[in-house]
Amino acid sequence: MYETNFEKKYVKLAVLMTCHNRRDTTLACLQALYQQDITFDVYLVDDGSSDATTEAVKENYPEVKILQGNGNLFWVGGMRLAFAAALEENYEYYLWLNDDTLLNPKSLTKLLDNHQYLAERGYKNSIIVGSTKDIETGKPTYGGAMRTKRWHSNKYEFVHPSQDLQECDTMFGNCVLIPHSVAEKVGNLDAAFIHTLGDLDYGLRARKQGCSVWIAPGCVGTCSKNSVHGSWVDTKLPIDERLRKALQPKGYPIQAWTIFVKRHSGAFWFVYWILPYLRAVIGYRDLSASPSFHD
């Protein structure tokens, strides 16, 4: 069983978030965040919300550094903007946090524990991924990911957390701790991606540059899985509608998907390239076949 050993001290930590038109969800996330037992700065991108999110955050959490988007940043664009602003201040750690993730008390300390534990054993350049679970069922939802070993697939499958640290290939970006040493090597999220794929790409690029990705023991909080209703994997939609949605930012936009498979899928990348569009056409309803989904 893994034992933490992090000594309480001041850590320069930036929490990076992005949001769009879900004020109450964002406020609930911040409420749980500010119950943590360490200090941090929050960089929140409000990507053109029309529901007074910015005003509500300013009223309740005036210390949050709010950056304004134009409504077209989506998840990767918003997180990239927040990351860029924080990188200018040279924090010791950067935490990606989805605004629909509710952290458990002391979760940030535990993630820092995990990194110190690994650093003391020669893994300083380690990304620590916090797993989440569904608030109603208690089933794990997001966290670390491994590429499936099946030759005919290009899926990155969620890895269930255990009671020990687990090394993995990459991660879904709901709750991810990135030390400064990794950020120096890998940099920001790639602007080639819009909404999906950017988190998976970051973890894979980090590993190619000699870093490692680890899943923290247990779950750090709650985050329900996104519904497939109305998405490109919703088999109740007609074929043309599924294919159209697959090509949109929350699916597999052609340019971003092409860059991803060329970069990470080997010499036969073109075989994997067609798979999501084929799945959209034939109605293959398997959410795990999709690399990453963010609201």
C-alpha atoms as a PDB file:
ATOM      1  CA  MET A   1       0.000   0.000   0.000  1.00  0.00           C
ATOM      2  CA  TYR A   2       1.319   3.420  -0.981  1.00  0.00           C
ATOM      3  CA  GLU A   3       2.155   5.769   1.875  1.00  0.00           C
ATOM      4  CA  THR A   4       2.434   9.541   1.400  1.00  0.00           C
ATOM      5  CA  ASN A   5       5.332  11.470   2.820  1.00  0.00           C
ATOM      6  CA  PHE A   6       4.831  15.039   1.623  1.00  0.00           C
ATOM      7  CA  GLU A   7       5.922  17.556   4.239  1.00  0.00           C
ATOM      8  CA  LYS A   8       3.606  20.543   4.426  1.00  0.00           C
ATOM      9  CA  LYS A   9       5.273  23.573   2.911  1.00  0.00           C
ATOM     10  CA  TYR A  10       4.478  26.465   0.613  1.00  0.00           C
ATOM     11  CA  VAL A  11       4.257  25.279  -2.979  1.00  0.00           C
ATOM     12  CA  LYS A  12       3.860  27.623  -5.915  1.00  0.00           C
ATOM     13  CA  LEU A  13       0.946  25.986  -7.721  1.00  0.00           C
ATOM     14  CA  ALA A  14      -1.247  27.248 -10.568  1.00  0.00           C
ATOM     15  CA  VAL A  15      -4.671  25.686 -11.126  1.00  0.00           C
ATOM     16  CA  LEU A  16      -5.757  25.949 -14.763  1.00  0.00           C
ATOM     17  CA  MET A  17      -9.433  25.877 -15.731  1.00  0.00           C
ATOM     18  CA  THR A  18     -11.697  26.818 -18.610  1.00  0.00           C
ATOM     19  CA  CYS A  19     -15.464  27.184 -18.685  1.00  0.00           C
ATOM     20  CA  HIS A  20     -18.382  28.070 -20.912  1.00  0.00           C
ATOM     21  CA  ASN A  21     -21.973  28.706 -19.837  1.00  0.00           C
ATOM     22  CA  ARG A  22     -22.274  26.462 -16.802  1.00  0.00           C
ATOM     23  CA  ARG A  23     -21.964  28.966 -13.994  1.00  0.00           C
ATOM     24  CA  ASP A  24     -23.265  26.781 -11.187  1.00  0.00           C
ATOM     25  CA  THR A  25     -20.991  23.895 -12.169  1.00  0.00           C
ATOM     26  CA  THR A  26     -17.968  26.188 -12.282  1.00  0.00           C
ATOM     27  CA  LEU A  27     -18.809  27.703  -8.896  1.00  0.00           C
ATOM     28  CA  ALA A  28     -19.239  24.256  -7.338  1.00  0.00           C
ATOM     29  CA  CYS A  29     -15.825  23.246  -8.658  1.00  0.00           C
ATOM     30  CA  LEU A  30     -14.227  26.359  -7.192  1.00  0.00           C
ATOM     31  CA  GLN A  31     -15.971  25.815  -3.859  1.00  0.00           C
ATOM     32  CA  ALA A  32     -14.465  22.318  -3.565  1.00  0.00           C
ATOM     33  CA  LEU A  33     -11.109  23.579  -4.788  1.00  0.00           C
ATOM     34  CA  TYR A  34     -10.887  26.287  -2.135  1.00  0.00           C
ATOM     35  CA  GLN A  35     -11.440  23.707   0.597  1.00  0.00           C
ATOM     36  CA  GLN A  36      -8.013  22.215  -0.126  1.00  0.00           C
ATOM     37  CA  ASP A  37      -5.324  22.537   2.527  1.00  0.00           C
ATOM     38  CA  ILE A  38      -2.647  24.237   0.412  1.00  0.00           C
ATOM     39  CA  THR A  39      -2.347  27.591  -1.318  1.00  0.00           C
ATOM     40  CA  PHE A  40      -2.556  28.118  -5.077  1.00  0.00           C
ATOM     41  CA  ASP A  41      -3.458  30.587  -7.805  1.00  0.00           C
ATOM     42  CA  VAL A  42      -6.376  29.931 -10.158  1.00  0.00           C
ATOM     43  CA  TYR A  43      -6.278  30.861 -13.837  1.00  0.00           C
ATOM     44  CA  LEU A  44      -9.801  30.567 -15.241  1.00  0.00           C
ATOM     45  CA  VAL A  45     -10.657  31.145 -18.891  1.00  0.00           C
ATOM     46  CA  ASP A  46     -14.274  32.158 -19.401  1.00  0.00           C
ATOM     47  CA  ASP A  47     -14.787  31.338 -23.046  1.00  0.00           C
ATOM     48  CA  GLY A  48     -17.509  33.801 -23.910  1.00  0.00           C
ATOM     49  CA  SER A  49     -20.101  32.729 -21.345  1.00  0.00           C
ATOM     50  CA  SER A  50     -23.470  34.482 -21.543  1.00  0.00           C
ATOM     51  CA  ASP A  51     -24.730  33.252 -18.158  1.00  0.00           C
ATOM     52  CA  ALA A  52     -22.815  35.757 -15.990  1.00  0.00           C
ATOM     53  CA  THR A  53     -20.145  33.221 -15.023  1.00  0.00           C
ATOM     54  CA  THR A  54     -17.438  35.888 -14.864  1.00  0.00           C
ATOM     55  CA  GLU A  55     -19.532  38.133 -12.637  1.00  0.00           C
ATOM     56  CA  ALA A  56     -20.409  35.283 -10.268  1.00  0.00           C
ATOM     57  CA  VAL A  57     -16.784  34.154  -9.976  1.00  0.00           C
ATOM     58  CA  LYS A  58     -15.603  37.706  -9.319  1.00  0.00           C
ATOM     59  CA  GLU A  59     -18.222  38.106  -6.602  1.00  0.00           C
ATOM     60  CA  ASN A  60     -17.505  34.814  -4.832  1.00  0.00           C
ATOM     61  CA  TYR A  61     -13.813  34.284  -5.598  1.00  0.00           C
ATOM     62  CA  PRO A  62     -12.244  37.676  -6.358  1.00  0.00           C
ATOM     63  CA  GLU A  63      -8.740  36.201  -6.176  1.00  0.00           C
ATOM     64  CA  VAL A  64      -9.295  34.088  -9.310  1.00  0.00           C
ATOM     65  CA  LYS A  65      -7.378  35.374 -12.336  1.00  0.00           C
ATOM     66  CA  ILE A  66     -10.022  35.447 -15.093  1.00  0.00           C
ATOM     67  CA  LEU A  67      -9.027  35.420 -18.750  1.00  0.00           C
ATOM     68  CA  GLN A  68     -11.637  36.110 -21.407  1.00  0.00           C
ATOM     69  CA  GLY A  69     -12.123  33.935 -24.484  1.00  0.00           C
ATOM     70  CA  ASN A  70     -14.100  34.646 -27.622  1.00  0.00           C
ATOM     71  CA  GLY A  71     -16.454  31.663 -27.382  1.00  0.00           C
ATOM     72  CA  ASN A  72     -14.507  29.567 -29.868  1.00  0.00           C
ATOM     73  CA  LEU A  73     -11.629  28.274 -27.755  1.00  0.00           C
ATOM     74  CA  PHE A  74     -13.240  25.005 -26.640  1.00  0.00           C
ATOM     75  CA  TRP A  75     -11.373  22.867 -24.074  1.00  0.00           C
ATOM     76  CA  VAL A  76      -7.878  22.797 -25.558  1.00  0.00           C
ATOM     77  CA  GLY A  77      -7.935  26.449 -26.566  1.00  0.00           C
ATOM     78  CA  GLY A  78      -9.138  27.573 -23.147  1.00  0.00           C
ATOM     79  CA  MET A  79      -6.671  25.430 -21.235  1.00  0.00           C
ATOM     80  CA  ARG A  80      -3.871  26.505 -23.553  1.00  0.00           C
ATOM     81  CA  LEU A  81      -4.634  30.178 -22.822  1.00  0.00           C
ATOM     82  CA  ALA A  82      -4.663  29.564 -19.057  1.00  0.00           C
ATOM     83  CA  PHE A  83      -1.469  27.484 -19.261  1.00  0.00           C
ATOM     84  CA  ALA A  84       0.324  30.179 -21.273  1.00  0.00           C
ATOM     85  CA  ALA A  85      -0.512  32.849 -18.696  1.00  0.00           C
ATOM     86  CA  ALA A  86       0.650  30.657 -15.802  1.00  0.00           C
ATOM     87  CA  LEU A  87       3.854  29.584 -17.551  1.00  0.00           C
ATOM     88  CA  GLU A  88       4.973  33.214 -17.592  1.00  0.00           C
ATOM     89  CA  GLU A  89       5.068  33.135 -13.775  1.00  0.00           C
ATOM     90  CA  ASN A  90       7.253  29.992 -13.468  1.00  0.00           C
ATOM     91  CA  TYR A  91       5.158  27.992 -11.009  1.00  0.00           C
ATOM     92  CA  GLU A  92       6.534  24.830  -9.438  1.00  0.00           C
ATOM     93  CA  TYR A  93       3.410  22.919 -10.469  1.00  0.00           C
ATOM     94  CA  TYR A  94       0.474  23.317 -12.850  1.00  0.00           C
ATOM     95  CA  LEU A  95      -2.841  21.542 -12.290  1.00  0.00           C
ATOM     96  CA  TRP A  96      -5.308  20.978 -15.108  1.00  0.00           C
ATOM     97  CA  LEU A  97      -8.785  20.875 -13.602  1.00  0.00           C
ATOM     98  CA  ASN A  98     -12.085  20.421 -15.432  1.00  0.00           C
ATOM     99  CA  ASP A  99     -14.760  22.705 -14.047  1.00  0.00           C
ATOM    100  CA  ASP A 100     -17.133  19.747 -13.598  1.00  0.00           C
ATOM    101  CA  THR A 101     -14.674  17.975 -11.283  1.00  0.00           C
ATOM    102  CA  LEU A 102     -15.298  18.214  -7.533  1.00  0.00           C
ATOM    103  CA  LEU A 103     -12.120  17.505  -5.602  1.00  0.00           C
ATOM    104  CA  ASN A 104     -12.082  15.606  -2.333  1.00  0.00           C
ATOM    105  CA  PRO A 105     -10.477  17.335   0.661  1.00  0.00           C
ATOM    106  CA  LYS A 106      -6.644  17.125   0.620  1.00  0.00           C
ATOM    107  CA  SER A 107      -6.568  15.811  -2.943  1.00  0.00           C
ATOM    108  CA  LEU A 108      -4.009  18.381  -4.046  1.00  0.00           C
ATOM    109  CA  THR A 109      -1.720  17.471  -1.163  1.00  0.00           C
ATOM    110  CA  LYS A 110      -2.005  13.812  -2.118  1.00  0.00           C
ATOM    111  CA  LEU A 111      -1.092  14.555  -5.733  1.00  0.00           C
ATOM    112  CA  LEU A 112       1.936  16.497  -4.552  1.00  0.00           C
ATOM    113  CA  ASP A 113       2.799  13.581  -2.252  1.00  0.00           C
ATOM    114  CA  ASN A 114       2.779  11.300  -5.255  1.00  0.00           C
ATOM    115  CA  HIS A 115       5.136  13.502  -7.223  1.00  0.00           C
ATOM    116  CA  GLN A 116       7.587  13.904  -4.367  1.00  0.00           C
ATOM    117  CA  TYR A 117       7.552  10.140  -3.800  1.00  0.00           C
ATOM    118  CA  LEU A 118       8.430   9.537  -7.456  1.00  0.00           C
ATOM    119  CA  ALA A 119      10.985  12.361  -7.596  1.00  0.00           C
ATOM    120  CA  GLU A 120      12.853  10.840  -4.646  1.00  0.00           C
ATOM    121  CA  ARG A 121      13.072   7.613  -6.642  1.00  0.00           C
ATOM    122  CA  GLY A 122      14.466   9.184  -9.787  1.00  0.00           C
ATOM    123  CA  TYR A 123      11.227  10.120 -11.562  1.00  0.00           C
ATOM    124  CA  LYS A 124      11.306  13.892 -11.202  1.00  0.00           C
ATOM    125  CA  ASN A 125       9.815  14.475 -14.655  1.00  0.00           C
ATOM    126  CA  SER A 126       6.539  12.759 -13.836  1.00  0.00           C
ATOM    127  CA  ILE A 127       2.979  13.791 -14.613  1.00  0.00           C
ATOM    128  CA  ILE A 128       0.515  12.728 -11.893  1.00  0.00           C
ATOM    129  CA  VAL A 129      -3.032  11.948 -13.016  1.00  0.00           C
ATOM    130  CA  GLY A 130      -5.924  12.104 -10.587  1.00  0.00           C
ATOM    131  CA  SER A 131      -8.776   9.685 -11.285  1.00  0.00           C
ATOM    132  CA  THR A 132     -12.419  10.653 -10.797  1.00  0.00           C
ATOM    133  CA  LYS A 133     -15.579   8.676 -10.135  1.00  0.00           C
ATOM    134  CA  ASP A 134     -19.281   9.120 -10.774  1.00  0.00           C
ATOM    135  CA  ILE A 135     -20.952  10.929  -7.895  1.00  0.00           C
ATOM    136  CA  GLU A 136     -23.986   8.592  -7.954  1.00  0.00           C
ATOM    137  CA  THR A 137     -22.633   5.159  -8.888  1.00  0.00           C
ATOM    138  CA  GLY A 138     -19.133   5.516  -7.460  1.00  0.00           C
ATOM    139  CA  LYS A 139     -17.682   3.967 -10.621  1.00  0.00           C
ATOM    140  CA  PRO A 140     -14.366   5.430 -11.892  1.00  0.00           C
ATOM    141  CA  THR A 141     -14.807   7.709 -14.896  1.00  0.00           C
ATOM    142  CA  TYR A 142     -11.654   9.591 -15.988  1.00  0.00           C
ATOM    143  CA  GLY A 143      -7.928   9.458 -15.320  1.00  0.00           C
ATOM    144  CA  GLY A 144      -4.969   7.642 -16.845  1.00  0.00           C
ATOM    145  CA  ALA A 145      -5.075   5.838 -20.171  1.00  0.00           C
ATOM    146  CA  MET A 146      -3.278   3.024 -21.969  1.00  0.00           C
ATOM    147  CA  ARG A 147      -3.314   2.331 -25.668  1.00  0.00           C
ATOM    148  CA  THR A 148      -5.134  -0.896 -26.372  1.00  0.00           C
ATOM    149  CA  LYS A 149      -2.886  -3.759 -27.448  1.00  0.00           C
ATOM    150  CA  ARG A 150      -5.298  -4.849 -30.161  1.00  0.00           C
ATOM    151  CA  TRP A 151      -3.610  -4.299 -33.520  1.00  0.00           C
ATOM    152  CA  HIS A 152      -6.802  -3.177 -35.234  1.00  0.00           C
ATOM    153  CA  SER A 153      -7.587  -0.381 -32.790  1.00  0.00           C
ATOM    154  CA  ASN A 154      -6.233   3.059 -31.983  1.00  0.00           C
ATOM    155  CA  LYS A 155      -8.140   3.443 -28.723  1.00  0.00           C
ATOM    156  CA  TYR A 156      -6.770   4.854 -25.492  1.00  0.00           C
ATOM    157  CA  GLU A 157      -8.604   3.068 -22.738  1.00  0.00           C
ATOM    158  CA  PHE A 158      -9.258   4.343 -19.246  1.00  0.00           C
ATOM    159  CA  VAL A 159      -7.204   2.600 -16.543  1.00  0.00           C
ATOM    160  CA  HIS A 160      -8.993   1.996 -13.256  1.00  0.00           C
ATOM    161  CA  PRO A 161      -7.094   3.393 -10.270  1.00  0.00           C
ATOM    162  CA  SER A 162      -5.739   1.019  -7.651  1.00  0.00           C
ATOM    163  CA  GLN A 163      -4.249   1.503  -4.196  1.00  0.00           C
ATOM    164  CA  ASP A 164      -0.811   2.030  -5.729  1.00  0.00           C
ATOM    165  CA  LEU A 165       0.802   4.355  -8.220  1.00  0.00           C
ATOM    166  CA  GLN A 166       0.470   2.979 -11.759  1.00  0.00           C
ATOM    167  CA  GLU A 167       2.466   4.055 -14.782  1.00  0.00           C
ATOM    168  CA  CYS A 168       0.413   4.625 -17.933  1.00  0.00           C
ATOM    169  CA  ASP A 169       0.738   5.874 -21.513  1.00  0.00           C
ATOM    170  CA  THR A 170      -1.176   9.140 -21.284  1.00  0.00           C
ATOM    171  CA  MET A 171      -4.242  10.696 -19.670  1.00  0.00           C
ATOM    172  CA  PHE A 172      -7.639  12.292 -19.941  1.00  0.00           C
ATOM    173  CA  GLY A 173      -7.200  15.858 -18.739  1.00  0.00           C
ATOM    174  CA  ASN A 174      -9.809  16.203 -15.981  1.00  0.00           C
ATOM    175  CA  CYS A 175      -7.302  16.439 -13.123  1.00  0.00           C
ATOM    176  CA  VAL A 176      -3.608  16.401 -13.999  1.00  0.00           C
ATOM    177  CA  LEU A 177      -0.596  17.651 -12.014  1.00  0.00           C
ATOM    178  CA  ILE A 178       2.335  18.781 -14.161  1.00  0.00           C
ATOM    179  CA  PRO A 179       5.623  19.784 -12.478  1.00  0.00           C
ATOM    180  CA  HIS A 180       7.627  22.671 -13.874  1.00  0.00           C
ATOM    181  CA  SER A 181      10.371  20.355 -15.118  1.00  0.00           C
ATOM    182  CA  VAL A 182       7.870  18.600 -17.406  1.00  0.00           C
ATOM    183  CA  ALA A 183       6.323  21.870 -18.593  1.00  0.00           C
ATOM    184  CA  GLU A 184       9.819  23.073 -19.524  1.00  0.00           C
ATOM    185  CA  LYS A 185      10.360  20.025 -21.716  1.00  0.00           C
ATOM    186  CA  VAL A 186       6.914  19.654 -23.276  1.00  0.00           C
ATOM    187  CA  GLY A 187       5.611  23.210 -23.247  1.00  0.00           C
ATOM    188  CA  ASN A 188       1.945  24.040 -23.657  1.00  0.00           C
ATOM    189  CA  LEU A 189      -0.929  22.086 -25.162  1.00  0.00           C
ATOM    190  CA  ASP A 190      -0.575  21.928 -28.940  1.00  0.00           C
ATOM    191  CA  ALA A 191      -2.602  24.561 -30.796  1.00  0.00           C
ATOM    192  CA  ALA A 192      -3.282  21.964 -33.508  1.00  0.00           C
ATOM    193  CA  PHE A 193      -6.048  20.556 -31.302  1.00  0.00           C
ATOM    194  CA  ILE A 194      -9.356  22.219 -30.519  1.00  0.00           C
ATOM    195  CA  HIS A 195     -11.429  20.317 -27.980  1.00  0.00           C
ATOM    196  CA  THR A 196     -10.383  16.668 -27.894  1.00  0.00           C
ATOM    197  CA  LEU A 197      -7.040  14.879 -28.322  1.00  0.00           C
ATOM    198  CA  GLY A 198      -4.904  17.643 -26.806  1.00  0.00           C
ATOM    199  CA  ASP A 199      -4.669  15.951 -23.407  1.00  0.00           C
ATOM    200  CA  LEU A 200      -3.778  12.569 -24.887  1.00  0.00           C
ATOM    201  CA  ASP A 201      -1.236  14.214 -27.173  1.00  0.00           C
ATOM    202  CA  TYR A 202       0.398  16.039 -24.262  1.00  0.00           C
ATOM    203  CA  GLY A 203       0.948  12.853 -22.272  1.00  0.00           C
ATOM    204  CA  LEU A 204       2.283  10.995 -25.304  1.00  0.00           C
ATOM    205  CA  ARG A 205       4.645  13.848 -26.198  1.00  0.00           C
ATOM    206  CA  ALA A 206       5.840  13.974 -22.599  1.00  0.00           C
ATOM    207  CA  ARG A 207       6.736  10.279 -22.699  1.00  0.00           C
ATOM    208  CA  LYS A 208       8.613  10.717 -25.976  1.00  0.00           C
ATOM    209  CA  GLN A 209      10.717  13.380 -24.268  1.00  0.00           C
ATOM    210  CA  GLY A 210      11.719  11.109 -21.407  1.00  0.00           C
ATOM    211  CA  CYS A 211       8.971  12.015 -18.933  1.00  0.00           C
ATOM    212  CA  SER A 212       6.556   9.548 -17.370  1.00  0.00           C
ATOM    213  CA  VAL A 213       2.825   9.535 -16.614  1.00  0.00           C
ATOM    214  CA  TRP A 214       1.485   8.010 -13.394  1.00  0.00           C
ATOM    215  CA  ILE A 215      -2.000   7.390 -12.028  1.00  0.00           C
ATOM    216  CA  ALA A 216      -2.391   8.428  -8.388  1.00  0.00           C
ATOM    217  CA  PRO A 217      -3.842   5.849  -5.958  1.00  0.00           C
ATOM    218  CA  GLY A 218      -7.610   5.972  -5.476  1.00  0.00           C
ATOM    219  CA  CYS A 219      -9.831   8.785  -6.733  1.00  0.00           C
ATOM    220  CA  VAL A 220      -9.277  12.499  -6.168  1.00  0.00           C
ATOM    221  CA  GLY A 221     -12.893  13.537  -6.639  1.00  0.00           C
ATOM    222  CA  THR A 222     -16.058  13.149  -8.675  1.00  0.00           C
ATOM    223  CA  CYS A 223     -16.852  13.810 -12.319  1.00  0.00           C
ATOM    224  CA  SER A 224     -19.690  12.132 -14.153  1.00  0.00           C
ATOM    225  CA  LYS A 225     -19.173  10.755 -17.651  1.00  0.00           C
ATOM    226  CA  ASN A 226     -20.428  12.882 -20.493  1.00  0.00           C
ATOM    227  CA  SER A 227     -23.640  11.632 -22.045  1.00  0.00           C
ATOM    228  CA  VAL A 228     -23.494  10.147 -25.541  1.00  0.00           C
ATOM    229  CA  HIS A 229     -26.943  11.593 -26.258  1.00  0.00           C
ATOM    230  CA  GLY A 230     -26.759  13.853 -29.289  1.00  0.00           C
ATOM    231  CA  SER A 231     -23.086  13.089 -29.932  1.00  0.00           C
ATOM    232  CA  TRP A 232     -21.473  11.380 -32.910  1.00  0.00           C
ATOM    233  CA  VAL A 233     -21.725   8.005 -31.138  1.00  0.00           C
ATOM    234  CA  ASP A 234     -25.471   8.333 -30.523  1.00  0.00           C
ATOM    235  CA  THR A 235     -26.886   5.503 -32.644  1.00  0.00           C
ATOM    236  CA  LYS A 236     -30.333   7.084 -32.543  1.00  0.00           C
ATOM    237  CA  LEU A 237     -29.128   9.842 -34.856  1.00  0.00           C
ATOM    238  CA  PRO A 238     -29.174   9.370 -38.635  1.00  0.00           C
ATOM    239  CA  ILE A 239     -25.894   8.472 -40.345  1.00  0.00           C
ATOM    240  CA  ASP A 240     -25.323  11.875 -41.948  1.00  0.00           C
ATOM    241  CA  GLU A 241     -25.856  13.616 -38.601  1.00  0.00           C
ATOM    242  CA  ARG A 242     -23.412  11.290 -36.822  1.00  0.00           C
ATOM    243  CA  LEU A 243     -20.765  11.860 -39.477  1.00  0.00           C
ATOM    244  CA  ARG A 244     -21.278  15.618 -39.382  1.00  0.00           C
ATOM    245  CA  LYS A 245     -20.840  15.639 -35.606  1.00  0.00           C
ATOM    246  CA  ALA A 246     -17.759  13.396 -35.859  1.00  0.00           C
ATOM    247  CA  LEU A 247     -16.098  16.094 -37.952  1.00  0.00           C
ATOM    248  CA  GLN A 248     -16.874  18.885 -35.481  1.00  0.00           C
ATOM    249  CA  PRO A 249     -14.504  20.095 -32.706  1.00  0.00           C
ATOM    250  CA  LYS A 250     -15.984  17.750 -30.082  1.00  0.00           C
ATOM    251  CA  GLY A 251     -15.430  14.771 -32.365  1.00  0.00           C
ATOM    252  CA  TYR A 252     -12.583  14.161 -34.783  1.00  0.00           C
ATOM    253  CA  PRO A 253     -11.974  17.280 -36.884  1.00  0.00           C
ATOM    254  CA  ILE A 254      -9.948  16.127 -39.877  1.00  0.00           C
ATOM    255  CA  GLN A 255      -6.865  18.324 -39.460  1.00  0.00           C
ATOM    256  CA  ALA A 256      -6.447  17.659 -35.727  1.00  0.00           C
ATOM    257  CA  TRP A 257      -7.100  13.930 -36.058  1.00  0.00           C
ATOM    258  CA  THR A 258      -4.646  13.643 -38.949  1.00  0.00           C
ATOM    259  CA  ILE A 259      -1.915  15.319 -36.905  1.00  0.00           C
ATOM    260  CA  PHE A 260      -2.627  13.056 -33.941  1.00  0.00           C
ATOM    261  CA  VAL A 261      -2.479   9.756 -35.812  1.00  0.00           C
ATOM    262  CA  LYS A 262       0.547  10.786 -37.873  1.00  0.00           C
ATOM    263  CA  ARG A 263       2.342  11.707 -34.660  1.00  0.00           C
ATOM    264  CA  HIS A 264       1.388   8.757 -32.488  1.00  0.00           C
ATOM    265  CA  SER A 265       0.110   5.846 -34.588  1.00  0.00           C
ATOM    266  CA  GLY A 266       3.179   4.645 -36.456  1.00  0.00           C
ATOM    267  CA  ALA A 267       3.800   3.846 -40.099  1.00  0.00           C
ATOM    268  CA  PHE A 268       0.251   2.588 -40.669  1.00  0.00           C
ATOM    269  CA  TRP A 269      -1.406   5.701 -39.262  1.00  0.00           C
ATOM    270  CA  PHE A 270      -3.636   6.015 -42.335  1.00  0.00           C
ATOM    271  CA  VAL A 271      -5.361   2.739 -41.407  1.00  0.00           C
ATOM    272  CA  TYR A 272      -6.301   4.119 -37.990  1.00  0.00           C
ATOM    273  CA  TRP A 273      -7.263   7.510 -39.450  1.00  0.00           C
ATOM    274  CA  ILE A 274     -10.458   6.214 -41.043  1.00  0.00           C
ATOM    275  CA  LEU A 275     -11.747   4.341 -37.976  1.00  0.00           C
ATOM    276  CA  PRO A 276     -13.760   7.069 -36.162  1.00  0.00           C
ATOM    277  CA  TYR A 277     -15.493   8.124 -39.376  1.00  0.00           C
ATOM    278  CA  LEU A 278     -16.250   4.497 -40.167  1.00  0.00           C
ATOM    279  CA  ARG A 279     -17.653   4.035 -36.656  1.00  0.00           C
ATOM    280  CA  ALA A 280     -19.836   7.107 -37.131  1.00  0.00           C
ATOM    281  CA  VAL A 281     -21.260   5.654 -40.334  1.00  0.00           C
ATOM    282  CA  ILE A 282     -21.897   2.121 -39.099  1.00  0.00           C
ATOM    283  CA  GLY A 283     -23.162   3.261 -35.705  1.00  0.00           C
ATOM    284  CA  TYR A 284     -20.524   1.624 -33.528  1.00  0.00           C
ATOM    285  CA  ARG A 285     -21.529   2.787 -30.057  1.00  0.00           C
ATOM    286  CA  ASP A 286     -18.413   2.457 -27.934  1.00  0.00           C
ATOM    287  CA  LEU A 287     -17.466   5.622 -26.105  1.00  0.00           C
ATOM    288  CA  SER A 288     -14.070   4.192 -25.201  1.00  0.00           C
ATOM    289  CA  ALA A 289     -13.281   4.219 -28.915  1.00  0.00           C
ATOM    290  CA  SER A 290     -13.142   7.978 -28.622  1.00  0.00           C
ATOM    291  CA  PRO A 291      -9.868   9.255 -27.195  1.00  0.00           C
ATOM    292  CA  SER A 292     -11.123  12.173 -25.129  1.00  0.00           C
ATOM    293  CA  PHE A 293     -14.304  14.085 -24.438  1.00  0.00           C
ATOM    294  CA  HIS A 294     -14.632  17.381 -22.589  1.00  0.00           C
ATOM    295  CA  ASP A 295     -17.672  19.572 -22.162  1.00  0.00           C
END
